[in-house]
Amino acid sequence: MNNLKTFGQTVRNYREARGLLLRQLAAELEVDTAFISKMERGEKRATRAHVEKLANVLKVSNDELLTIWLSDKLLNTLEQEPSAYNALKLTEKRLKTKAL
């Protein structure tokens, strides 16, 4: 999958590739069809629990979907911030330090 696509676009691509209708995916996640439609268009945000269920239903890597989902969350938080890039670089350094 193209890693520049949004979480919603990625979900839609996988859903369509698996031949699932919106209502079928909604039933699996125990949400309404409108939520899935809006999530795919970027108008609603999935929760971490949704992401994990989606990975299972769509038979894709949980790590792949979580990474894209987190990327969307970061972008939505930082896109209007002038110092966003510097903050991300600092965060990367801090994450590397914690991983040691």
N, C-alpha and C. Protein backbone atom coordinates (compact mmCIF):
# COMPACT_ATOMS: atom_id res chain seq x y z
N MET A 1 0.84 -1.20 0.00
CA MET A 1 0.00 0.00 0.00
C MET A 1 0.88 1.25 0.00
N ASN A 2 0.37 2.29 -0.59
CA ASN A 2 1.06 3.57 -0.63
C ASN A 2 1.03 4.19 0.76
N ASN A 3 2.21 4.41 1.36
CA ASN A 3 2.24 4.91 2.74
C ASN A 3 1.92 6.41 2.85
N LEU A 4 1.61 7.08 1.75
CA LEU A 4 1.20 8.47 1.83
C LEU A 4 -0.33 8.61 1.86
N LYS A 5 -1.02 7.50 1.77
CA LYS A 5 -2.48 7.54 1.85
C LYS A 5 -2.89 7.68 3.30
N THR A 6 -4.06 8.28 3.50
CA THR A 6 -4.58 8.43 4.85
C THR A 6 -5.06 7.07 5.36
N PHE A 7 -5.33 7.03 6.65
CA PHE A 7 -5.86 5.81 7.25
C PHE A 7 -7.16 5.41 6.56
N GLY A 8 -8.05 6.36 6.38
CA GLY A 8 -9.33 6.07 5.75
C GLY A 8 -9.18 5.55 4.33
N GLN A 9 -8.30 6.16 3.56
CA GLN A 9 -8.06 5.71 2.19
C GLN A 9 -7.51 4.29 2.19
N THR A 10 -6.63 4.01 3.13
CA THR A 10 -6.04 2.68 3.23
C THR A 10 -7.11 1.64 3.56
N VAL A 11 -7.98 1.97 4.52
CA VAL A 11 -9.06 1.05 4.89
C VAL A 11 -9.96 0.81 3.68
N ARG A 12 -10.33 1.87 2.99
CA ARG A 12 -11.20 1.72 1.81
C ARG A 12 -10.55 0.82 0.77
N ASN A 13 -9.27 1.03 0.50
CA ASN A 13 -8.57 0.20 -0.49
C ASN A 13 -8.60 -1.27 -0.10
N TYR A 14 -8.31 -1.56 1.17
CA TYR A 14 -8.33 -2.95 1.62
C TYR A 14 -9.75 -3.52 1.59
N ARG A 15 -10.73 -2.72 2.03
CA ARG A 15 -12.12 -3.19 2.04
C ARG A 15 -12.57 -3.54 0.63
N GLU A 16 -12.31 -2.66 -0.31
CA GLU A 16 -12.71 -2.90 -1.70
C GLU A 16 -11.95 -4.08 -2.30
N ALA A 17 -10.67 -4.20 -1.98
CA ALA A 17 -9.87 -5.32 -2.49
C ALA A 17 -10.40 -6.66 -1.99
N ARG A 18 -11.01 -6.65 -0.81
CA ARG A 18 -11.57 -7.88 -0.24
C ARG A 18 -13.04 -8.07 -0.60
N GLY A 19 -13.59 -7.13 -1.37
CA GLY A 19 -14.96 -7.24 -1.82
C GLY A 19 -16.00 -7.05 -0.72
N LEU A 20 -15.62 -6.32 0.33
CA LEU A 20 -16.54 -6.08 1.44
C LEU A 20 -17.34 -4.80 1.20
N LEU A 21 -18.61 -4.85 1.50
CA LEU A 21 -19.45 -3.66 1.45
C LEU A 21 -19.29 -2.88 2.75
N LEU A 22 -19.62 -1.59 2.70
CA LEU A 22 -19.57 -0.77 3.92
C LEU A 22 -20.36 -1.42 5.05
N ARG A 23 -21.54 -1.91 4.75
CA ARG A 23 -22.39 -2.48 5.80
C ARG A 23 -21.79 -3.74 6.40
N GLN A 24 -21.07 -4.50 5.59
CA GLN A 24 -20.44 -5.72 6.10
C GLN A 24 -19.31 -5.36 7.08
N LEU A 25 -18.50 -4.38 6.70
CA LEU A 25 -17.42 -3.96 7.58
C LEU A 25 -17.98 -3.33 8.85
N ALA A 26 -19.03 -2.53 8.70
CA ALA A 26 -19.66 -1.90 9.85
C ALA A 26 -20.18 -2.96 10.82
N ALA A 27 -20.79 -4.01 10.31
CA ALA A 27 -21.31 -5.07 11.17
C ALA A 27 -20.18 -5.75 11.94
N GLU A 28 -19.06 -5.97 11.29
CA GLU A 28 -17.91 -6.60 11.96
C GLU A 28 -17.37 -5.73 13.09
N LEU A 29 -17.41 -4.41 12.89
CA LEU A 29 -16.89 -3.48 13.90
C LEU A 29 -17.96 -3.05 14.92
N GLU A 30 -19.20 -3.47 14.66
CA GLU A 30 -20.33 -3.11 15.51
C GLU A 30 -20.53 -1.59 15.58
N VAL A 31 -20.46 -0.97 14.39
CA VAL A 31 -20.73 0.46 14.23
C VAL A 31 -21.70 0.61 13.07
N ASP A 32 -22.21 1.82 12.88
CA ASP A 32 -23.12 1.99 11.75
C ASP A 32 -22.34 2.27 10.46
N THR A 33 -23.02 2.06 9.36
CA THR A 33 -22.41 2.22 8.04
C THR A 33 -21.90 3.65 7.83
N ALA A 34 -22.64 4.62 8.34
CA ALA A 34 -22.24 6.02 8.19
C ALA A 34 -20.87 6.27 8.83
N PHE A 35 -20.60 5.62 9.96
CA PHE A 35 -19.31 5.81 10.61
C PHE A 35 -18.18 5.33 9.71
N ILE A 36 -18.34 4.15 9.12
CA ILE A 36 -17.30 3.62 8.23
C ILE A 36 -17.10 4.55 7.04
N SER A 37 -18.19 4.99 6.44
CA SER A 37 -18.11 5.89 5.29
C SER A 37 -17.37 7.18 5.66
N LYS A 38 -17.74 7.77 6.79
CA LYS A 38 -17.09 9.01 7.22
C LYS A 38 -15.64 8.78 7.61
N MET A 39 -15.33 7.64 8.19
CA MET A 39 -13.95 7.32 8.55
C MET A 39 -13.10 7.21 7.28
N GLU A 40 -13.64 6.55 6.27
CA GLU A 40 -12.89 6.40 5.02
C GLU A 40 -12.65 7.75 4.34
N ARG A 41 -13.56 8.70 4.54
CA ARG A 41 -13.41 10.04 3.95
C ARG A 41 -12.63 10.99 4.85
N GLY A 42 -12.23 10.54 6.03
CA GLY A 42 -11.47 11.38 6.95
C GLY A 42 -12.32 12.31 7.78
N GLU A 43 -13.61 12.09 7.83
CA GLU A 43 -14.51 12.96 8.60
C GLU A 43 -14.71 12.47 10.03
N LYS A 44 -14.44 11.21 10.28
CA LYS A 44 -14.52 10.62 11.62
C LYS A 44 -13.21 9.90 11.90
N ARG A 45 -12.85 9.82 13.16
CA ARG A 45 -11.60 9.16 13.55
C ARG A 45 -11.89 7.80 14.20
N ALA A 46 -11.15 6.83 13.79
CA ALA A 46 -11.24 5.50 14.39
C ALA A 46 -10.50 5.51 15.72
N THR A 47 -10.91 4.64 16.62
CA THR A 47 -10.18 4.45 17.87
C THR A 47 -9.13 3.35 17.67
N ARG A 48 -8.26 3.21 18.63
CA ARG A 48 -7.26 2.15 18.56
C ARG A 48 -7.95 0.78 18.50
N ALA A 49 -9.03 0.62 19.25
CA ALA A 49 -9.77 -0.65 19.22
C ALA A 49 -10.34 -0.91 17.82
N HIS A 50 -10.83 0.14 17.16
CA HIS A 50 -11.32 -0.02 15.79
C HIS A 50 -10.19 -0.48 14.87
N VAL A 51 -9.02 0.11 15.04
CA VAL A 51 -7.88 -0.22 14.19
C VAL A 51 -7.53 -1.70 14.33
N GLU A 52 -7.52 -2.18 15.55
CA GLU A 52 -7.18 -3.58 15.79
C GLU A 52 -8.22 -4.52 15.18
N LYS A 53 -9.50 -4.17 15.31
CA LYS A 53 -10.56 -4.97 14.69
C LYS A 53 -10.46 -4.93 13.18
N LEU A 54 -10.19 -3.75 12.64
CA LEU A 54 -10.07 -3.60 11.18
C LEU A 54 -8.95 -4.48 10.64
N ALA A 55 -7.82 -4.49 11.31
CA ALA A 55 -6.69 -5.30 10.86
C ALA A 55 -7.10 -6.77 10.79
N ASN A 56 -7.82 -7.21 11.80
CA ASN A 56 -8.27 -8.60 11.84
C ASN A 56 -9.27 -8.90 10.72
N VAL A 57 -10.28 -8.05 10.58
CA VAL A 57 -11.32 -8.26 9.57
C VAL A 57 -10.76 -8.17 8.16
N LEU A 58 -9.87 -7.20 7.93
CA LEU A 58 -9.32 -6.98 6.60
C LEU A 58 -8.12 -7.88 6.30
N LYS A 59 -7.71 -8.64 7.33
CA LYS A 59 -6.58 -9.58 7.18
C LYS A 59 -5.30 -8.87 6.73
N VAL A 60 -5.00 -7.79 7.45
CA VAL A 60 -3.77 -7.05 7.20
C VAL A 60 -3.01 -6.91 8.51
N SER A 61 -1.80 -6.48 8.40
CA SER A 61 -0.94 -6.31 9.57
C SER A 61 -1.48 -5.24 10.51
N ASN A 62 -1.63 -5.61 11.77
CA ASN A 62 -2.04 -4.65 12.79
C ASN A 62 -1.03 -3.51 12.86
N ASP A 63 0.24 -3.83 12.75
CA ASP A 63 1.29 -2.82 12.81
C ASP A 63 1.17 -1.82 11.66
N GLU A 64 0.86 -2.31 10.47
CA GLU A 64 0.71 -1.41 9.32
C GLU A 64 -0.43 -0.41 9.55
N LEU A 65 -1.59 -0.91 9.96
CA LEU A 65 -2.73 -0.01 10.17
C LEU A 65 -2.48 0.93 11.34
N LEU A 66 -1.88 0.43 12.42
CA LEU A 66 -1.59 1.30 13.57
C LEU A 66 -0.62 2.41 13.19
N THR A 67 0.36 2.08 12.38
CA THR A 67 1.35 3.08 11.96
C THR A 67 0.68 4.20 11.15
N ILE A 68 -0.17 3.82 10.22
CA ILE A 68 -0.87 4.82 9.40
C ILE A 68 -1.83 5.63 10.27
N TRP A 69 -2.54 4.95 11.17
CA TRP A 69 -3.48 5.62 12.08
C TRP A 69 -2.75 6.64 12.96
N LEU A 70 -1.61 6.23 13.53
CA LEU A 70 -0.83 7.15 14.37
C LEU A 70 -0.28 8.31 13.55
N SER A 71 0.13 8.04 12.33
CA SER A 71 0.62 9.10 11.46
C SER A 71 -0.47 10.14 11.21
N ASP A 72 -1.69 9.67 10.95
CA ASP A 72 -2.82 10.60 10.78
C ASP A 72 -3.05 11.43 12.04
N LYS A 73 -2.98 10.78 13.21
CA LYS A 73 -3.19 11.50 14.46
C LYS A 73 -2.14 12.59 14.64
N LEU A 74 -0.88 12.24 14.36
CA LEU A 74 0.20 13.22 14.49
C LEU A 74 0.00 14.37 13.51
N LEU A 75 -0.32 14.04 12.28
CA LEU A 75 -0.51 15.08 11.27
C LEU A 75 -1.65 16.01 11.66
N ASN A 76 -2.76 15.45 12.13
CA ASN A 76 -3.90 16.28 12.53
C ASN A 76 -3.55 17.20 13.70
N THR A 77 -2.69 16.73 14.58
CA THR A 77 -2.28 17.53 15.73
C THR A 77 -1.28 18.62 15.34
N LEU A 78 -0.38 18.29 14.42
CA LEU A 78 0.76 19.17 14.15
C LEU A 78 0.69 19.99 12.87
N GLU A 79 -0.27 19.73 12.00
CA GLU A 79 -0.21 20.34 10.66
C GLU A 79 -0.24 21.87 10.66
N GLN A 80 -0.78 22.49 11.67
CA GLN A 80 -0.84 23.95 11.71
C GLN A 80 0.28 24.56 12.58
N GLU A 81 1.13 23.72 13.10
CA GLU A 81 2.19 24.20 14.00
C GLU A 81 3.46 24.53 13.22
N PRO A 82 3.96 25.75 13.34
CA PRO A 82 5.18 26.13 12.62
C PRO A 82 6.40 25.31 13.03
N SER A 83 6.45 24.84 14.26
CA SER A 83 7.61 24.09 14.75
C SER A 83 7.38 22.58 14.71
N ALA A 84 6.41 22.13 13.93
CA ALA A 84 6.05 20.72 13.91
C ALA A 84 7.23 19.81 13.55
N TYR A 85 7.96 20.16 12.52
CA TYR A 85 9.07 19.31 12.08
C TYR A 85 10.13 19.20 13.17
N ASN A 86 10.47 20.32 13.80
CA ASN A 86 11.47 20.28 14.88
C ASN A 86 10.96 19.46 16.06
N ALA A 87 9.68 19.57 16.37
CA ALA A 87 9.10 18.80 17.46
C ALA A 87 9.15 17.31 17.15
N LEU A 88 8.91 16.94 15.91
CA LEU A 88 8.98 15.53 15.52
C LEU A 88 10.41 15.00 15.61
N LYS A 89 11.38 15.81 15.20
CA LYS A 89 12.78 15.39 15.31
C LYS A 89 13.17 15.17 16.77
N LEU A 90 12.76 16.08 17.64
CA LEU A 90 13.05 15.94 19.06
C LEU A 90 12.36 14.69 19.63
N THR A 91 11.14 14.48 19.25
CA THR A 91 10.40 13.30 19.71
C THR A 91 11.08 12.02 19.25
N GLU A 92 11.56 12.00 18.03
CA GLU A 92 12.27 10.82 17.53
C GLU A 92 13.50 10.53 18.39
N LYS A 93 14.25 11.56 18.72
CA LYS A 93 15.45 11.39 19.58
C LYS A 93 15.03 10.83 20.94
N ARG A 94 13.96 11.39 21.50
CA ARG A 94 13.50 10.95 22.82
C ARG A 94 13.01 9.49 22.77
N LEU A 95 12.33 9.13 21.70
CA LEU A 95 11.88 7.74 21.57
C LEU A 95 13.05 6.78 21.46
N LYS A 96 14.08 7.17 20.71
CA LYS A 96 15.27 6.33 20.57
C LYS A 96 15.94 6.15 21.93
N THR A 97 16.00 7.21 22.73
CA THR A 97 16.63 7.14 24.05
C THR A 97 15.84 6.18 24.95
N LYS A 98 14.52 6.23 24.89
CA LYS A 98 13.69 5.35 25.71
C LYS A 98 13.81 3.89 25.27
N ALA A 99 14.10 3.66 24.00
CA ALA A 99 14.19 2.30 23.47
C ALA A 99 15.46 1.60 23.92
N LEU A 100 16.44 2.36 24.37
CA LEU A 100 17.73 1.77 24.77
C LEU A 100 17.66 1.07 26.08
